[in-house]
PDB file of N, CA and C in Angstrom:
ATOM      1  N   MET A   1      28.058  29.927  34.981  1.00  0.00           N
ATOM      2  CA  MET A   1      28.646  28.978  35.910  1.00  0.00           C
ATOM      3  C   MET A   1      27.570  28.179  36.650  1.00  0.00           C
ATOM      4  N   ILE A   2      26.542  28.876  37.112  1.00  0.00           N
ATOM      5  CA  ILE A   2      25.497  28.195  37.881  1.00  0.00           C
ATOM      6  C   ILE A   2      24.792  27.158  37.014  1.00  0.00           C
ATOM      7  N   LYS A   3      24.534  27.503  35.751  1.00  0.00           N
ATOM      8  CA  LYS A   3      23.839  26.540  34.890  1.00  0.00           C
ATOM      9  C   LYS A   3      24.660  25.270  34.720  1.00  0.00           C
ATOM     10  N   SER A   4      25.959  25.400  34.551  1.00  0.00           N
ATOM     11  CA  SER A   4      26.781  24.198  34.393  1.00  0.00           C
ATOM     12  C   SER A   4      26.825  23.403  35.697  1.00  0.00           C
ATOM     13  N   GLN A   5      26.864  24.082  36.836  1.00  0.00           N
ATOM     14  CA  GLN A   5      26.843  23.389  38.122  1.00  0.00           C
ATOM     15  C   GLN A   5      25.500  22.672  38.326  1.00  0.00           C
ATOM     16  N   MET A   6      24.411  23.320  37.915  1.00  0.00           N
ATOM     17  CA  MET A   6      23.095  22.684  38.034  1.00  0.00           C
ATOM     18  C   MET A   6      23.009  21.449  37.147  1.00  0.00           C
ATOM     19  N   GLU A   7      23.558  21.537  35.943  1.00  0.00           N
ATOM     20  CA  GLU A   7      23.550  20.375  35.058  1.00  0.00           C
ATOM     21  C   GLU A   7      24.339  19.226  35.669  1.00  0.00           C
ATOM     22  N   LEU A   8      25.463  19.549  36.298  1.00  0.00           N
ATOM     23  CA  LEU A   8      26.259  18.516  36.964  1.00  0.00           C
ATOM     24  C   LEU A   8      25.500  17.918  38.145  1.00  0.00           C
ATOM     25  N   LEU A   9      24.813  18.765  38.916  1.00  0.00           N
ATOM     26  CA  LEU A   9      24.038  18.266  40.054  1.00  0.00           C
ATOM     27  C   LEU A   9      22.901  17.349  39.606  1.00  0.00           C
ATOM     28  N   VAL A  10      22.232  17.718  38.531  1.00  0.00           N
ATOM     29  CA  VAL A  10      21.146  16.870  38.015  1.00  0.00           C
ATOM     30  C   VAL A  10      21.710  15.532  37.559  1.00  0.00           C
ATOM     31  N   SER A  11      22.857  15.559  36.891  1.00  0.00           N
ATOM     32  CA  SER A  11      23.498  14.314  36.455  1.00  0.00           C
ATOM     33  C   SER A  11      23.915  13.469  37.658  1.00  0.00           C
ATOM     34  N   LEU A  12      24.422  14.120  38.694  1.00  0.00           N
ATOM     35  CA  LEU A  12      24.811  13.410  39.914  1.00  0.00           C
ATOM     36  C   LEU A  12      23.604  12.739  40.556  1.00  0.00           C
ATOM     37  N   GLN A  13      22.498  13.455  40.614  1.00  0.00           N
ATOM     38  CA  GLN A  13      21.279  12.881  41.177  1.00  0.00           C
ATOM     39  C   GLN A  13      20.827  11.673  40.354  1.00  0.00           C
ATOM     40  N   ASP A  14      20.916  11.768  39.036  1.00  0.00           N
ATOM     41  CA  ASP A  14      20.541  10.637  38.186  1.00  0.00           C
ATOM     42  C   ASP A  14      21.412   9.419  38.478  1.00  0.00           C
ATOM     43  N   LEU A  15      22.719   9.643  38.632  1.00  0.00           N
ATOM     44  CA  LEU A  15      23.617   8.533  38.964  1.00  0.00           C
ATOM     45  C   LEU A  15      23.285   7.942  40.326  1.00  0.00           C
ATOM     46  N   ASP A  16      23.016   8.801  41.311  1.00  0.00           N
ATOM     47  CA  ASP A  16      22.655   8.311  42.646  1.00  0.00           C
ATOM     48  C   ASP A  16      21.399   7.449  42.588  1.00  0.00           C
ATOM     49  N   LEU A  17      20.414   7.875  41.810  1.00  0.00           N
ATOM     50  CA  LEU A  17      19.176   7.109  41.694  1.00  0.00           C
ATOM     51  C   LEU A  17      19.409   5.771  40.991  1.00  0.00           C
ATOM     52  N   MET A  18      20.276   5.760  39.974  1.00  0.00           N
ATOM     53  CA  MET A  18      20.585   4.499  39.294  1.00  0.00           C
ATOM     54  C   MET A  18      21.295   3.526  40.236  1.00  0.00           C
ATOM     55  N   ILE A  19      22.212   4.047  41.047  1.00  0.00           N
ATOM     56  CA  ILE A  19      22.925   3.194  42.009  1.00  0.00           C
ATOM     57  C   ILE A  19      21.951   2.625  43.030  1.00  0.00           C
ATOM     58  N   GLU A  20      21.039   3.463  43.537  1.00  0.00           N
ATOM     59  CA  GLU A  20      20.032   2.988  44.492  1.00  0.00           C
ATOM     60  C   GLU A  20      19.148   1.916  43.880  1.00  0.00           C
ATOM     61  N   GLU A  21      18.736   2.125  42.643  1.00  0.00           N
ATOM     62  CA  GLU A  21      17.882   1.138  41.980  1.00  0.00           C
ATOM     63  C   GLU A  21      18.614  -0.186  41.777  1.00  0.00           C
ATOM     64  N   ALA A  22      19.909  -0.132  41.493  1.00  0.00           N
ATOM     65  CA  ALA A  22      20.687  -1.361  41.329  1.00  0.00           C
ATOM     66  C   ALA A  22      20.725  -2.136  42.650  1.00  0.00           C
ATOM     67  N   TYR A  23      20.889  -1.423  43.765  1.00  0.00           N
ATOM     68  CA  TYR A  23      20.881  -2.088  45.068  1.00  0.00           C
ATOM     69  C   TYR A  23      19.516  -2.690  45.372  1.00  0.00           C
ATOM     70  N   GLU A  24      18.452  -2.017  44.982  1.00  0.00           N
ATOM     71  CA  GLU A  24      17.107  -2.560  45.194  1.00  0.00           C
ATOM     72  C   GLU A  24      16.912  -3.857  44.399  1.00  0.00           C
ATOM     73  N   VAL A  25      17.402  -3.875  43.171  1.00  0.00           N
ATOM     74  CA  VAL A  25      17.286  -5.070  42.337  1.00  0.00           C
ATOM     75  C   VAL A  25      18.083  -6.215  42.963  1.00  0.00           C
ATOM     76  N   GLU A  26      19.269  -5.913  43.503  1.00  0.00           N
ATOM     77  CA  GLU A  26      20.088  -6.944  44.142  1.00  0.00           C
ATOM     78  C   GLU A  26      19.409  -7.525  45.381  1.00  0.00           C
ATOM     79  N   LYS A  27      18.641  -6.688  46.084  1.00  0.00           N
ATOM     80  CA  LYS A  27      17.936  -7.170  47.271  1.00  0.00           C
ATOM     81  C   LYS A  27      16.959  -8.290  46.926  1.00  0.00           C
ATOM     82  N   PHE A  28      16.411  -8.255  45.721  1.00  0.00           N
ATOM     83  CA  PHE A  28      15.470  -9.274  45.289  1.00  0.00           C
ATOM     84  C   PHE A  28      16.163 -10.496  44.695  1.00  0.00           C
ATOM     85  N   GLY A  29      17.486 -10.505  44.724  1.00  0.00           N
ATOM     86  CA  GLY A  29      18.231 -11.664  44.279  1.00  0.00           C
ATOM     87  C   GLY A  29      18.627 -11.670  42.819  1.00  0.00           C
ATOM     88  N   PHE A  30      18.403 -10.581  42.130  1.00  0.00           N
ATOM     89  CA  PHE A  30      18.789 -10.518  40.722  1.00  0.00           C
ATOM     90  C   PHE A  30      20.207  -9.972  40.614  1.00  0.00           C
ATOM     91  N   PRO A  31      21.034 -10.576  39.799  1.00  0.00           N
ATOM     92  CA  PRO A  31      22.395 -10.072  39.652  1.00  0.00           C
ATOM     93  C   PRO A  31      22.412  -8.768  38.851  1.00  0.00           C
ATOM     94  N   THR A  32      23.280  -7.868  39.231  1.00  0.00           N
ATOM     95  CA  THR A  32      23.438  -6.610  38.500  1.00  0.00           C
ATOM     96  C   THR A  32      24.905  -6.442  38.142  1.00  0.00           C
ATOM     97  N   THR A  33      25.136  -5.753  37.080  1.00  0.00           N
ATOM     98  CA  THR A  33      26.497  -5.441  36.673  1.00  0.00           C
ATOM     99  C   THR A  33      26.581  -3.944  36.406  1.00  0.00           C
ATOM    100  N   GLY A  34      27.779  -3.429  36.504  1.00  0.00           N
ATOM    101  CA  GLY A  34      27.991  -2.025  36.191  1.00  0.00           C
ATOM    102  C   GLY A  34      27.938  -1.083  37.368  1.00  0.00           C
ATOM    103  N   CYS A  35      27.675  -1.598  38.565  1.00  0.00           N
ATOM    104  CA  CYS A  35      27.594  -0.720  39.730  1.00  0.00           C
ATOM    105  C   CYS A  35      28.937  -0.034  40.001  1.00  0.00           C
ATOM    106  N   ASP A  36      30.017  -0.762  39.807  1.00  0.00           N
ATOM    107  CA  ASP A  36      31.334  -0.165  40.041  1.00  0.00           C
ATOM    108  C   ASP A  36      31.598   0.981  39.071  1.00  0.00           C
ATOM    109  N   GLU A  37      31.180   0.818  37.821  1.00  0.00           N
ATOM    110  CA  GLU A  37      31.352   1.886  36.839  1.00  0.00           C
ATOM    111  C   GLU A  37      30.501   3.096  37.194  1.00  0.00           C
ATOM    112  N   LEU A  38      29.284   2.841  37.677  1.00  0.00           N
ATOM    113  CA  LEU A  38      28.419   3.948  38.097  1.00  0.00           C
ATOM    114  C   LEU A  38      29.027   4.709  39.275  1.00  0.00           C
ATOM    115  N   LYS A  39      29.567   3.980  40.235  1.00  0.00           N
ATOM    116  CA  LYS A  39      30.190   4.628  41.397  1.00  0.00           C
ATOM    117  C   LYS A  39      31.406   5.442  40.985  1.00  0.00           C
ATOM    118  N   LYS A  40      32.192   4.906  40.069  1.00  0.00           N
ATOM    119  CA  LYS A  40      33.376   5.628  39.586  1.00  0.00           C
ATOM    120  C   LYS A  40      32.955   6.904  38.858  1.00  0.00           C
ATOM    121  N   ALA A  41      31.945   6.796  38.005  1.00  0.00           N
ATOM    122  CA  ALA A  41      31.439   7.967  37.286  1.00  0.00           C
ATOM    123  C   ALA A  41      30.884   8.993  38.254  1.00  0.00           C
ATOM    124  N   ARG A  42      30.231   8.513  39.326  1.00  0.00           N
ATOM    125  CA  ARG A  42      29.682   9.420  40.325  1.00  0.00           C
ATOM    126  C   ARG A  42      30.790  10.195  41.022  1.00  0.00           C
ATOM    127  N   GLU A  43      31.860   9.505  41.400  1.00  0.00           N
ATOM    128  CA  GLU A  43      32.980  10.170  42.076  1.00  0.00           C
ATOM    129  C   GLU A  43      33.641  11.209  41.173  1.00  0.00           C
ATOM    130  N   GLU A  44      33.820  10.862  39.904  1.00  0.00           N
ATOM    131  CA  GLU A  44      34.410  11.816  38.962  1.00  0.00           C
ATOM    132  C   GLU A  44      33.520  13.045  38.793  1.00  0.00           C
ATOM    133  N   LEU A  45      32.231  12.814  38.699  1.00  0.00           N
ATOM    134  CA  LEU A  45      31.291  13.914  38.546  1.00  0.00           C
ATOM    135  C   LEU A  45      31.251  14.782  39.803  1.00  0.00           C
ATOM    136  N   ALA A  46      31.226  14.153  40.963  1.00  0.00           N
ATOM    137  CA  ALA A  46      31.175  14.897  42.220  1.00  0.00           C
ATOM    138  C   ALA A  46      32.413  15.777  42.399  1.00  0.00           C
ATOM    139  N   SER A  47      33.546  15.338  41.881  1.00  0.00           N
ATOM    140  CA  SER A  47      34.764  16.140  42.019  1.00  0.00           C
ATOM    141  C   SER A  47      34.709  17.407  41.173  1.00  0.00           C
ATOM    142  N   ARG A  48      33.825  17.467  40.200  1.00  0.00           N
ATOM    143  CA  ARG A  48      33.693  18.644  39.332  1.00  0.00           C
ATOM    144  C   ARG A  48      32.686  19.657  39.861  1.00  0.00           C
ATOM    145  N   ILE A  49      31.959  19.300  40.917  1.00  0.00           N
ATOM    146  CA  ILE A  49      30.931  20.183  41.476  1.00  0.00           C
ATOM    147  C   ILE A  49      31.538  20.957  42.635  1.00  0.00           C
ATOM    148  N   SER A  50      31.209  22.246  42.717  1.00  0.00           N
ATOM    149  CA  SER A  50      31.755  23.069  43.798  1.00  0.00           C
ATOM    150  C   SER A  50      31.266  22.556  45.154  1.00  0.00           C
ATOM    151  N   LYS A  51      32.101  22.690  46.151  1.00  0.00           N
ATOM    152  CA  LYS A  51      31.824  22.135  47.483  1.00  0.00           C
ATOM    153  C   LYS A  51      30.518  22.639  48.090  1.00  0.00           C
ATOM    154  N   PRO A  52      30.211  23.970  48.035  1.00  0.00           N
ATOM    155  CA  PRO A  52      28.939  24.412  48.639  1.00  0.00           C
ATOM    156  C   PRO A  52      27.713  23.775  48.002  1.00  0.00           C
ATOM    157  N   PHE A  53      27.719  23.643  46.659  1.00  0.00           N
ATOM    158  CA  PHE A  53      26.577  23.031  45.981  1.00  0.00           C
ATOM    159  C   PHE A  53      26.475  21.546  46.323  1.00  0.00           C
ATOM    160  N   LEU A  54      27.601  20.881  46.367  1.00  0.00           N
ATOM    161  CA  LEU A  54      27.618  19.453  46.681  1.00  0.00           C
ATOM    162  C   LEU A  54      27.139  19.210  48.109  1.00  0.00           C
ATOM    163  N   PHE A  55      27.562  20.052  49.041  1.00  0.00           N
ATOM    164  CA  PHE A  55      27.141  19.922  50.439  1.00  0.00           C
ATOM    165  C   PHE A  55      25.630  20.107  50.557  1.00  0.00           C
ATOM    166  N   ARG A  56      25.111  21.120  49.868  1.00  0.00           N
ATOM    167  CA  ARG A  56      23.675  21.377  49.907  1.00  0.00           C
ATOM    168  C   ARG A  56      22.898  20.197  49.337  1.00  0.00           C
ATOM    169  N   TYR A  57      23.392  19.654  48.242  1.00  0.00           N
ATOM    170  CA  TYR A  57      22.756  18.500  47.608  1.00  0.00           C
ATOM    171  C   TYR A  57      22.747  17.295  48.553  1.00  0.00           C
ATOM    172  N   LYS A  58      23.892  17.021  49.174  1.00  0.00           N
ATOM    173  CA  LYS A  58      23.986  15.864  50.080  1.00  0.00           C
ATOM    174  C   LYS A  58      23.029  15.994  51.260  1.00  0.00           C
ATOM    175  N   ARG A  59      22.915  17.188  51.805  1.00  0.00           N
ATOM    176  CA  ARG A  59      21.999  17.386  52.937  1.00  0.00           C
ATOM    177  C   ARG A  59      20.550  17.143  52.527  1.00  0.00           C
ATOM    178  N   LEU A  60      20.171  17.617  51.357  1.00  0.00           N
ATOM    179  CA  LEU A  60      18.808  17.383  50.887  1.00  0.00           C
ATOM    180  C   LEU A  60      18.559  15.914  50.574  1.00  0.00           C
ATOM    181  N   ARG A  61      19.558  15.237  50.020  1.00  0.00           N
ATOM    182  CA  ARG A  61      19.413  13.814  49.680  1.00  0.00           C
ATOM    183  C   ARG A  61      19.231  12.944  50.921  1.00  0.00           C
ATOM    184  N   GLU A  62      19.698  13.415  52.065  1.00  0.00           N
ATOM    185  CA  GLU A  62      19.478  12.650  53.294  1.00  0.00           C
ATOM    186  C   GLU A  62      17.996  12.592  53.641  1.00  0.00           C
ATOM    187  N   LYS A  63      17.240  13.626  53.255  1.00  0.00           N
ATOM    188  CA  LYS A  63      15.824  13.697  53.579  1.00  0.00           C
ATOM    189  C   LYS A  63      14.914  13.298  52.431  1.00  0.00           C
ATOM    190  N   LEU A  64      15.341  13.607  51.208  1.00  0.00           N
ATOM    191  CA  LEU A  64      14.470  13.455  50.050  1.00  0.00           C
ATOM    192  C   LEU A  64      15.109  12.565  48.990  1.00  0.00           C
ATOM    193  N   LYS A  65      14.305  11.784  48.315  1.00  0.00           N
ATOM    194  CA  LYS A  65      14.838  10.941  47.246  1.00  0.00           C
ATOM    195  C   LYS A  65      15.319  11.797  46.081  1.00  0.00           C
ATOM    196  N   ARG A  66      14.542  12.797  45.738  1.00  0.00           N
ATOM    197  CA  ARG A  66      14.926  13.741  44.682  1.00  0.00           C
ATOM    198  C   ARG A  66      15.167  15.106  45.312  1.00  0.00           C
ATOM    199  N   ALA A  67      16.424  15.510  45.325  1.00  0.00           N
ATOM    200  CA  ALA A  67      16.792  16.784  45.934  1.00  0.00           C
ATOM    201  C   ALA A  67      16.696  17.938  44.944  1.00  0.00           C
ATOM    202  N   ILE A  68      16.760  17.619  43.664  1.00  0.00           N
ATOM    203  CA  ILE A  68      16.719  18.632  42.614  1.00  0.00           C
ATOM    204  C   ILE A  68      15.555  18.296  41.700  1.00  0.00           C
ATOM    205  N   VAL A  69      14.675  19.255  41.513  1.00  0.00           N
ATOM    206  CA  VAL A  69      13.499  19.014  40.675  1.00  0.00           C
ATOM    207  C   VAL A  69      13.295  20.182  39.721  1.00  0.00           C
ATOM    208  N   PRO A  70      12.657  19.902  38.591  1.00  0.00           N
ATOM    209  CA  PRO A  70      12.369  20.988  37.653  1.00  0.00           C
ATOM    210  C   PRO A  70      11.141  21.786  38.075  1.00  0.00           C
ATOM    211  N   VAL A  71      11.051  22.964  37.504  1.00  0.00           N
ATOM    212  CA  VAL A  71       9.877  23.814  37.659  1.00  0.00           C
ATOM    213  C   VAL A  71       9.283  23.985  36.273  1.00  0.00           C
ATOM    214  N   LYS A  72       8.017  23.699  36.163  1.00  0.00           N
ATOM    215  CA  LYS A  72       7.329  23.863  34.874  1.00  0.00           C
ATOM    216  C   LYS A  72       6.079  24.696  35.119  1.00  0.00           C
ATOM    217  N   ASN A  73       5.918  25.729  34.332  1.00  0.00           N
ATOM    218  CA  ASN A  73       4.792  26.659  34.493  1.00  0.00           C
ATOM    219  C   ASN A  73       4.742  27.211  35.919  1.00  0.00           C
ATOM    220  N   ASP A  74       5.903  27.512  36.458  1.00  0.00           N
ATOM    221  CA  ASP A  74       6.069  28.063  37.818  1.00  0.00           C
ATOM    222  C   ASP A  74       5.583  27.123  38.915  1.00  0.00           C
ATOM    223  N   ILE A  75       5.534  25.816  38.652  1.00  0.00           N
ATOM    224  CA  ILE A  75       5.124  24.838  39.662  1.00  0.00           C
ATOM    225  C   ILE A  75       6.294  23.911  39.951  1.00  0.00           C
ATOM    226  N   CYS A  76       6.653  23.790  41.226  1.00  0.00           N
ATOM    227  CA  CYS A  76       7.697  22.868  41.661  1.00  0.00           C
ATOM    228  C   CYS A  76       7.174  21.451  41.424  1.00  0.00           C
ATOM    229  N   LEU A  77       7.935  20.661  40.671  1.00  0.00           N
ATOM    230  CA  LEU A  77       7.483  19.303  40.378  1.00  0.00           C
ATOM    231  C   LEU A  77       7.885  18.315  41.469  1.00  0.00           C
ATOM    232  N   GLY A  78       8.344  18.832  42.609  1.00  0.00           N
ATOM    233  CA  GLY A  78       8.611  17.991  43.766  1.00  0.00           C
ATOM    234  C   GLY A  78       7.417  17.960  44.703  1.00  0.00           C
ATOM    235  N   CYS A  79       6.854  19.150  44.959  1.00  0.00           N
ATOM    236  CA  CYS A  79       5.718  19.239  45.892  1.00  0.00           C
ATOM    237  C   CYS A  79       4.474  19.853  45.244  1.00  0.00           C
ATOM    238  N   PHE A  80       4.608  20.291  43.990  1.00  0.00           N
ATOM    239  CA  PHE A  80       3.512  20.849  43.204  1.00  0.00           C
ATOM    240  C   PHE A  80       2.969  22.162  43.756  1.00  0.00           C
ATOM    241  N   LEU A  81       3.823  22.913  44.430  1.00  0.00           N
ATOM    242  CA  LEU A  81       3.456  24.246  44.898  1.00  0.00           C
ATOM    243  C   LEU A  81       3.841  25.257  43.832  1.00  0.00           C
ATOM    244  N   LYS A  82       2.946  26.192  43.570  1.00  0.00           N
ATOM    245  CA  LYS A  82       3.238  27.247  42.599  1.00  0.00           C
ATOM    246  C   LYS A  82       4.259  28.198  43.202  1.00  0.00           C
ATOM    247  N   GLN A  83       5.305  28.477  42.432  1.00  0.00           N
ATOM    248  CA  GLN A  83       6.366  29.376  42.870  1.00  0.00           C
ATOM    249  C   GLN A  83       5.975  30.809  42.526  1.00  0.00           C
ATOM    250  N   PRO A  84       6.417  31.758  43.348  1.00  0.00           N
ATOM    251  CA  PRO A  84       6.131  33.160  43.012  1.00  0.00           C
ATOM    252  C   PRO A  84       6.706  33.518  41.641  1.00  0.00           C
ATOM    253  N   THR A  85       5.987  34.311  40.886  1.00  0.00           N
ATOM    254  CA  THR A  85       6.420  34.702  39.553  1.00  0.00           C
ATOM    255  C   THR A  85       7.765  35.409  39.599  1.00  0.00           C
ATOM    256  N   SER A  86       7.988  36.200  40.627  1.00  0.00           N
ATOM    257  CA  SER A  86       9.251  36.943  40.735  1.00  0.00           C
ATOM    258  C   SER A  86      10.445  35.994  40.869  1.00  0.00           C
ATOM    259  N   VAL A  87      10.254  34.873  41.534  1.00  0.00           N
ATOM    260  CA  VAL A  87      11.336  33.890  41.682  1.00  0.00           C
ATOM    261  C   VAL A  87      11.676  33.288  40.326  1.00  0.00           C
ATOM    262  N   GLY A  88      10.679  32.948  39.559  1.00  0.00           N
ATOM    263  CA  GLY A  88      10.909  32.377  38.243  1.00  0.00           C
ATOM    264  C   GLY A  88      11.628  33.337  37.321  1.00  0.00           C
ATOM    265  N   THR A  89      11.257  34.601  37.383  1.00  0.00           N
ATOM    266  CA  THR A  89      11.911  35.615  36.558  1.00  0.00           C
ATOM    267  C   THR A  89      13.367  35.771  36.960  1.00  0.00           C
ATOM    268  N   ARG A  90      13.622  35.863  38.257  1.00  0.00           N
ATOM    269  CA  ARG A  90      15.004  36.023  38.745  1.00  0.00           C
ATOM    270  C   ARG A  90      15.830  34.781  38.463  1.00  0.00           C
ATOM    271  N   ALA A  91      15.236  33.615  38.574  1.00  0.00           N
ATOM    272  CA  ALA A  91      15.972  32.363  38.385  1.00  0.00           C
ATOM    273  C   ALA A  91      16.475  32.225  36.957  1.00  0.00           C
ATOM    274  N   ARG A  92      15.730  32.729  36.020  1.00  0.00           N
ATOM    275  CA  ARG A  92      16.160  32.646  34.620  1.00  0.00           C
ATOM    276  C   ARG A  92      17.276  33.636  34.318  1.00  0.00           C
ATOM    277  N   GLU A  93      17.422  34.668  35.147  1.00  0.00           N
ATOM    278  CA  GLU A  93      18.406  35.723  34.894  1.00  0.00           C
ATOM    279  C   GLU A  93      19.616  35.643  35.813  1.00  0.00           C
ATOM    280  N   ASP A  94      19.415  35.327  37.087  1.00  0.00           N
ATOM    281  CA  ASP A  94      20.480  35.383  38.091  1.00  0.00           C
ATOM    282  C   ASP A  94      21.389  34.168  38.035  1.00  0.00           C
ATOM    283  N   ASP A  95      22.529  34.332  38.638  1.00  0.00           N
ATOM    284  CA  ASP A  95      23.483  33.239  38.807  1.00  0.00           C
ATOM    285  C   ASP A  95      23.472  32.781  40.256  1.00  0.00           C
ATOM    286  N   GLN A  96      22.375  32.203  40.670  1.00  0.00           N
ATOM    287  CA  GLN A  96      22.285  31.652  42.014  1.00  0.00           C
ATOM    288  C   GLN A  96      21.323  30.487  42.003  1.00  0.00           C
ATOM    289  N   ILE A  97      21.393  29.698  43.049  1.00  0.00           N
ATOM    290  CA  ILE A  97      20.517  28.538  43.178  1.00  0.00           C
ATOM    291  C   ILE A  97      19.264  28.945  43.937  1.00  0.00           C
ATOM    292  N   PHE A  98      18.123  28.502  43.441  1.00  0.00           N
ATOM    293  CA  PHE A  98      16.856  28.776  44.110  1.00  0.00           C
ATOM    294  C   PHE A  98      16.292  27.482  44.665  1.00  0.00           C
ATOM    295  N   THR A  99      15.624  27.604  45.806  1.00  0.00           N
ATOM    296  CA  THR A  99      14.982  26.444  46.422  1.00  0.00           C
ATOM    297  C   THR A  99      13.488  26.712  46.563  1.00  0.00           C
ATOM    298  N   CYS A 100      12.735  25.642  46.622  1.00  0.00           N
ATOM    299  CA  CYS A 100      11.290  25.747  46.796  1.00  0.00           C
ATOM    300  C   CYS A 100      10.992  26.234  48.210  1.00  0.00           C
ATOM    301  N   GLU A 101      10.089  27.184  48.313  1.00  0.00           N
ATOM    302  CA  GLU A 101       9.714  27.710  49.621  1.00  0.00           C
ATOM    303  C   GLU A 101       8.983  26.680  50.469  1.00  0.00           C
ATOM    304  N   ASN A 102       8.360  25.701  49.832  1.00  0.00           N
ATOM    305  CA  ASN A 102       7.589  24.700  50.551  1.00  0.00           C
ATOM    306  C   ASN A 102       8.416  23.478  50.940  1.00  0.00           C
ATOM    307  N   CYS A 103       9.044  22.829  49.948  1.00  0.00           N
ATOM    308  CA  CYS A 103       9.730  21.553  50.227  1.00  0.00           C
ATOM    309  C   CYS A 103      11.235  21.702  50.408  1.00  0.00           C
ATOM    310  N   GLY A 104      11.811  22.824  49.992  1.00  0.00           N
ATOM    311  CA  GLY A 104      13.239  23.054  50.182  1.00  0.00           C
ATOM    312  C   GLY A 104      14.125  22.470  49.102  1.00  0.00           C
ATOM    313  N   ARG A 105      13.534  21.829  48.096  1.00  0.00           N
ATOM    314  CA  ARG A 105      14.326  21.228  47.026  1.00  0.00           C
ATOM    315  C   ARG A 105      15.004  22.312  46.176  1.00  0.00           C
ATOM    316  N   ILE A 106      16.133  21.933  45.577  1.00  0.00           N
ATOM    317  CA  ILE A 106      16.801  22.815  44.629  1.00  0.00           C
ATOM    318  C   ILE A 106      16.014  22.779  43.334  1.00  0.00           C
ATOM    319  N   LEU A 107      15.794  23.950  42.763  1.00  0.00           N
ATOM    320  CA  LEU A 107      14.947  24.065  41.586  1.00  0.00           C
ATOM    321  C   LEU A 107      15.731  24.446  40.344  1.00  0.00           C
ATOM    322  N   TYR A 108      15.297  23.924  39.208  1.00  0.00           N
ATOM    323  CA  TYR A 108      15.792  24.421  37.931  1.00  0.00           C
ATOM    324  C   TYR A 108      14.585  24.549  36.999  1.00  0.00           C
ATOM    325  N   TRP A 109      14.649  25.536  36.138  1.00  0.00           N
ATOM    326  CA  TRP A 109      13.520  25.861  35.286  1.00  0.00           C
ATOM    327  C   TRP A 109      13.640  25.210  33.927  1.00  0.00           C
ATOM    328  N   LEU A 110      12.548  24.599  33.481  1.00  0.00           N
ATOM    329  CA  LEU A 110      12.472  24.045  32.138  1.00  0.00           C
ATOM    330  C   LEU A 110      12.057  25.167  31.192  1.00  0.00           C
ATOM    331  N   GLU A 111      12.672  25.201  30.067  1.00  0.00           N
ATOM    332  CA  GLU A 111      12.353  26.256  29.089  1.00  0.00           C
ATOM    333  C   GLU A 111      11.202  25.851  28.229  1.00  0.00           C
TER     334      GLU A 111
END
């Protein structure tokens, strides 16, 4: 269950970033299309994510551009702090969300 929720959260973050980038392009006077479709897809996706995970994501997004980041070789790719080995081992086995001890971002492990 957690893996599917994490995949949905990562997809939601990608949509949020695309919407933000479209607004940035519009600020420079370039026309954009498809923003309404992106917003609709975002709402549909957000409705499939459990409320606690969505709330946590929204709170992090208020502070950080990327609230969810991968971990590669036990290093958080948000702040580049090495994560304890025990966290990485548990994260691959447990059904819970882990956050970086340094930056607070939600973490997912790359295989």
